[in-house]
């Protein structure tokens, strides 16, 4: 790593938005630690980048405190510091009526989307506070569901509303240490997780409808812009969505 190279940690980097962001950061000259549950998927992301010199794949379960600690220790050992965390790992959970959602499924969504985001943010915050020069940036992956729910999404929506509170608290608590925190709220990026959008998804009126999607690369470019700002500037909240998706006027 050269003196001018910055280091990013991207969770959920094995697919979808995480993969798109990791590849975009790498192409812009960042060293990138790829975190996710599946080692094979992380290696696929690294291979797509074309040059593994600035990439580090670390299989990580973000719900496991020890695994998260090991991830950030590996990043600091390899690259020396942490300049950016893209807190992206997440899951929808089963799209079932609220009364049919099992507590185990509720817990599973909360563990990944909220507890995992907290553990990664805490580890990044500690690293950024301790390193010299001090500081860094955390970008949380919120969602349109941080503002407006879909039917049958109580666990996902609750965690994404909570993500907004996490973002605000990190922003406030990070001020003395040069740690900036922002949130990107994404609507209908074309990924494996949003395949239902293109085949028909339940609307608030009870009908099924195909929804427009956008390229995940459009999200990645926005994350890169947020990440590249000097720490004296911060995009606190950004919304990036398929232009004609049913959000403005949803329901």
Protein backbone atom coordinates (compact mmCIF):
# COMPACT_ATOMS: atom_id res chain seq x y z
CA UNK A 1 0.00 0.00 0.00
CA UNK A 2 1.34 3.41 -0.96
CA UNK A 3 1.00 6.47 1.25
CA UNK A 4 -1.85 7.78 -0.90
CA UNK A 5 -3.80 4.52 -1.13
CA UNK A 6 -6.90 4.38 1.02
CA UNK A 7 -8.35 1.20 2.45
CA UNK A 8 -12.02 0.19 2.42
CA UNK A 9 -13.88 -2.67 4.08
CA UNK A 10 -16.97 -3.78 2.16
CA UNK A 11 -19.37 -6.24 3.80
CA UNK A 12 -21.64 -8.37 1.68
CA UNK A 13 -18.97 -8.10 -1.02
CA UNK A 14 -19.69 -11.47 -2.61
CA UNK A 15 -22.66 -10.32 -4.68
CA UNK A 16 -25.01 -7.52 -5.63
CA UNK A 17 -24.43 -4.00 -4.40
CA UNK A 18 -21.47 -5.03 -2.23
CA UNK A 19 -19.68 -6.56 -5.20
CA UNK A 20 -20.43 -3.53 -7.40
CA UNK A 21 -19.12 -1.12 -4.76
CA UNK A 22 -16.00 -3.19 -4.09
CA UNK A 23 -15.15 -3.33 -7.80
CA UNK A 24 -15.76 0.40 -8.25
CA UNK A 25 -13.56 1.29 -5.28
CA UNK A 26 -10.81 -1.04 -6.50
CA UNK A 27 -10.96 0.49 -9.98
CA UNK A 28 -10.57 3.93 -8.39
CA UNK A 29 -7.36 2.84 -6.68
CA UNK A 30 -8.59 1.83 -3.23
CA UNK A 31 -7.30 -1.20 -1.38
CA UNK A 32 -10.40 -3.22 -0.58
CA UNK A 33 -11.13 -5.88 2.03
CA UNK A 34 -13.95 -8.11 0.82
CA UNK A 35 -16.10 -9.50 3.64
CA UNK A 36 -18.94 -11.98 3.35
CA UNK A 37 -20.03 -15.42 4.44
CA UNK A 38 -19.04 -17.34 1.29
CA UNK A 39 -15.35 -17.58 0.45
CA UNK A 40 -16.06 -18.68 -3.14
CA UNK A 41 -18.21 -15.61 -3.80
CA UNK A 42 -15.53 -13.31 -2.40
CA UNK A 43 -12.92 -14.92 -4.62
CA UNK A 44 -15.20 -14.36 -7.62
CA UNK A 45 -15.40 -10.67 -6.74
CA UNK A 46 -11.62 -10.49 -6.41
CA UNK A 47 -11.18 -12.21 -9.77
CA UNK A 48 -13.54 -9.73 -11.44
CA UNK A 49 -11.34 -6.87 -10.20
CA UNK A 50 -8.52 -8.24 -12.35
CA UNK A 51 -5.70 -7.30 -9.96
CA UNK A 52 -5.57 -8.94 -6.57
CA UNK A 53 -2.67 -6.89 -5.20
CA UNK A 54 -4.94 -4.45 -3.41
CA UNK A 55 -7.67 -6.90 -2.47
CA UNK A 56 -8.10 -9.04 0.60
CA UNK A 57 -10.89 -11.61 0.88
CA UNK A 58 -11.91 -12.36 4.47
CA UNK A 59 -14.84 -14.78 4.93
CA UNK A 60 -16.86 -13.20 7.74
CA UNK A 61 -20.16 -13.76 9.51
CA UNK A 62 -21.07 -10.23 10.56
CA UNK A 63 -23.31 -11.55 13.34
CA UNK A 64 -20.28 -13.11 15.06
CA UNK A 65 -18.40 -10.62 17.25
CA UNK A 66 -15.16 -12.60 17.11
CA UNK A 67 -15.34 -12.93 13.32
CA UNK A 68 -15.83 -9.18 12.94
CA UNK A 69 -12.89 -8.49 15.23
CA UNK A 70 -10.76 -10.90 13.18
CA UNK A 71 -11.83 -9.15 9.95
CA UNK A 72 -10.64 -5.74 11.10
CA UNK A 73 -7.46 -7.18 12.60
CA UNK A 74 -6.68 -8.78 9.23
CA UNK A 75 -7.32 -5.50 7.43
CA UNK A 76 -5.04 -3.55 9.73
CA UNK A 77 -2.35 -6.22 9.49
CA UNK A 78 -2.45 -6.15 5.67
CA UNK A 79 -3.11 -2.48 4.92
CA UNK A 80 -2.21 -0.64 8.13
CA UNK A 81 -5.43 1.31 8.57
CA UNK A 82 -9.17 1.54 7.81
CA UNK A 83 -10.35 4.59 5.87
CA UNK A 84 -13.83 3.41 4.89
CA UNK A 85 -16.43 0.89 5.96
CA UNK A 86 -19.29 0.24 3.56
CA UNK A 87 -21.72 -1.42 5.95
CA UNK A 88 -23.72 -3.35 3.39
CA UNK A 89 -24.43 -6.93 4.50
CA UNK A 90 -28.17 -7.53 4.73
CA UNK A 91 -31.08 -9.90 4.21
CA UNK A 92 -34.79 -9.47 3.50
CA UNK A 93 -36.18 -12.44 5.36
CA UNK A 94 -39.27 -14.33 4.17
CA UNK A 95 -41.99 -12.13 2.55
CA UNK A 96 -44.86 -13.43 4.67
CA UNK A 97 -47.71 -11.74 6.56
CA UNK A 98 -46.65 -10.36 9.94
CA UNK A 99 -48.70 -12.90 11.89
CA UNK A 100 -46.92 -15.75 10.09
CA UNK A 101 -43.36 -14.50 10.62
CA UNK A 102 -41.54 -16.78 13.03
CA UNK A 103 -39.49 -15.29 15.82
CA UNK A 104 -36.48 -17.20 14.48
CA UNK A 105 -36.85 -15.47 11.11
CA UNK A 106 -37.30 -12.09 12.83
CA UNK A 107 -34.14 -12.69 14.86
CA UNK A 108 -32.19 -13.75 11.78
CA UNK A 109 -32.97 -10.49 9.95
CA UNK A 110 -32.24 -8.37 13.02
CA UNK A 111 -28.97 -10.20 13.63
CA UNK A 112 -27.63 -9.52 10.14
CA UNK A 113 -29.12 -6.13 9.29
CA UNK A 114 -28.84 -4.40 12.65
CA UNK A 115 -26.56 -6.33 14.99
CA UNK A 116 -24.10 -7.08 12.20
CA UNK A 117 -24.10 -3.44 11.12
CA UNK A 118 -23.44 -2.36 14.69
CA UNK A 119 -20.58 -4.83 15.20
CA UNK A 120 -18.86 -3.75 11.98
CA UNK A 121 -19.40 -0.06 12.70
CA UNK A 122 -18.04 -0.46 16.23
CA UNK A 123 -14.93 -2.27 14.99
CA UNK A 124 -14.36 0.33 12.28
CA UNK A 125 -14.92 3.17 14.75
CA UNK A 126 -12.32 1.72 17.13
CA UNK A 127 -9.78 1.34 14.33
CA UNK A 128 -10.41 4.84 13.00
CA UNK A 129 -10.13 6.36 16.47
CA UNK A 130 -6.86 4.58 17.26
CA UNK A 131 -5.01 4.99 13.94
CA UNK A 132 -2.74 7.86 12.93
CA UNK A 133 -3.77 10.00 11.22
CA UNK A 134 -7.04 9.60 13.04
CA UNK A 135 -10.41 9.36 11.34
CA UNK A 136 -12.28 7.69 8.53
CA UNK A 137 -15.73 7.25 7.05
CA UNK A 138 -18.59 4.82 7.56
CA UNK A 139 -21.30 4.53 4.91
CA UNK A 140 -24.34 2.50 5.93
CA UNK A 141 -26.56 0.83 3.37
CA UNK A 142 -30.05 1.91 4.34
CA UNK A 143 -32.92 1.40 1.96
CA UNK A 144 -36.06 3.02 0.65
CA UNK A 145 -37.51 0.87 3.45
CA UNK A 146 -35.76 3.17 5.93
CA UNK A 147 -38.52 5.59 4.90
CA UNK A 148 -41.47 3.61 3.53
CA UNK A 149 -42.27 -0.11 4.00
CA UNK A 150 -43.39 -2.70 1.53
CA UNK A 151 -46.11 -5.19 2.47
CA UNK A 152 -44.87 -8.21 4.41
CA UNK A 153 -41.51 -6.66 5.35
CA UNK A 154 -41.79 -5.90 9.06
CA UNK A 155 -38.37 -7.26 10.06
CA UNK A 156 -36.50 -5.71 7.15
CA UNK A 157 -38.27 -2.37 7.52
CA UNK A 158 -37.72 -2.23 11.28
CA UNK A 159 -34.00 -2.86 10.88
CA UNK A 160 -33.64 -0.28 8.13
CA UNK A 161 -35.40 2.35 10.23
CA UNK A 162 -32.98 1.41 13.01
CA UNK A 163 -30.07 1.84 10.57
CA UNK A 164 -30.99 5.51 10.30
CA UNK A 165 -30.62 5.88 14.07
CA UNK A 166 -27.30 4.05 13.96
CA UNK A 167 -26.09 6.41 11.22
CA UNK A 168 -27.05 9.52 13.18
CA UNK A 169 -25.44 8.27 16.39
CA UNK A 170 -22.23 7.31 14.61
CA UNK A 171 -22.16 10.74 12.98
CA UNK A 172 -22.49 12.47 16.32
CA UNK A 173 -20.15 10.24 18.31
CA UNK A 174 -17.54 10.30 15.55
CA UNK A 175 -17.16 14.07 15.40
CA UNK A 176 -14.34 14.36 17.99
CA UNK A 177 -12.25 11.77 16.13
CA UNK A 178 -12.68 12.83 12.51
CA UNK A 179 -15.04 9.95 11.79
CA UNK A 180 -17.79 10.82 9.32
CA UNK A 181 -20.86 8.66 8.81
CA UNK A 182 -23.48 8.79 6.07
CA UNK A 183 -26.22 6.57 4.71
CA UNK A 184 -27.24 5.61 1.20
CA UNK A 185 -30.88 4.62 0.77
CA UNK A 186 -31.26 2.44 -2.30
CA UNK A 187 -34.38 1.68 -4.29
CA UNK A 188 -34.61 -1.20 -6.76
CA UNK A 189 -31.02 -1.87 -7.73
CA UNK A 190 -30.88 -4.92 -9.97
CA UNK A 191 -29.30 -7.67 -7.84
CA UNK A 192 -29.96 -11.27 -6.87
CA UNK A 193 -31.96 -10.03 -3.87
CA UNK A 194 -34.33 -7.94 -6.00
CA UNK A 195 -35.18 -10.51 -8.66
CA UNK A 196 -38.84 -10.43 -7.61
CA UNK A 197 -39.08 -6.80 -8.77
CA UNK A 198 -38.75 -7.96 -12.37
CA UNK A 199 -41.26 -10.81 -12.14
CA UNK A 200 -43.95 -9.18 -10.01
CA UNK A 201 -43.94 -8.03 -6.40
CA UNK A 202 -46.77 -7.34 -3.97
CA UNK A 203 -48.00 -3.75 -3.86
CA UNK A 204 -49.84 -1.92 -1.09
CA UNK A 205 -53.16 -2.37 -2.91
CA UNK A 206 -52.75 -6.14 -2.92
CA UNK A 207 -51.84 -6.43 -6.59
CA UNK A 208 -48.65 -7.86 -8.07
CA UNK A 209 -46.68 -5.53 -10.30
CA UNK A 210 -43.36 -5.57 -12.14
CA UNK A 211 -41.20 -2.67 -10.94
CA UNK A 212 -38.39 -0.87 -12.77
CA UNK A 213 -34.83 -1.43 -11.59
CA UNK A 214 -31.52 0.36 -12.04
CA UNK A 215 -27.99 -0.91 -12.49
CA UNK A 216 -26.10 -1.57 -9.25
CA UNK A 217 -23.19 0.33 -10.83
CA UNK A 218 -25.24 3.51 -10.43
CA UNK A 219 -25.29 2.89 -6.68
CA UNK A 220 -21.59 2.12 -6.64
CA UNK A 221 -20.70 5.41 -8.30
CA UNK A 222 -22.66 7.26 -5.63
CA UNK A 223 -20.86 5.39 -2.84
CA UNK A 224 -17.53 6.24 -4.46
CA UNK A 225 -18.46 9.93 -4.53
CA UNK A 226 -19.42 9.84 -0.84
CA UNK A 227 -16.23 7.95 0.04
CA UNK A 228 -13.94 10.29 -1.89
CA UNK A 229 -15.02 13.45 -0.08
CA UNK A 230 -12.56 14.98 2.41
CA UNK A 231 -13.50 14.19 6.01
CA UNK A 232 -14.48 17.85 6.46
CA UNK A 233 -17.48 17.12 4.20
CA UNK A 234 -20.15 14.44 4.51
CA UNK A 235 -23.17 13.24 2.57
CA UNK A 236 -25.38 12.53 5.55
CA UNK A 237 -28.19 10.86 3.59
CA UNK A 238 -28.49 10.06 -0.10
CA UNK A 239 -31.36 8.36 -1.91
CA UNK A 240 -30.57 6.56 -5.18
CA UNK A 241 -33.47 4.82 -6.86
CA UNK A 242 -34.88 3.63 -10.15
CA UNK A 243 -36.47 6.83 -11.42
CA UNK A 244 -39.98 5.50 -11.95
CA UNK A 245 -40.22 2.97 -9.13
CA UNK A 246 -43.31 3.27 -6.89
CA UNK A 247 -41.75 5.15 -3.99
CA UNK A 248 -42.89 8.71 -4.55
CA UNK A 249 -46.61 8.04 -4.33
CA UNK A 250 -46.16 4.46 -3.08
CA UNK A 251 -49.34 3.08 -1.53
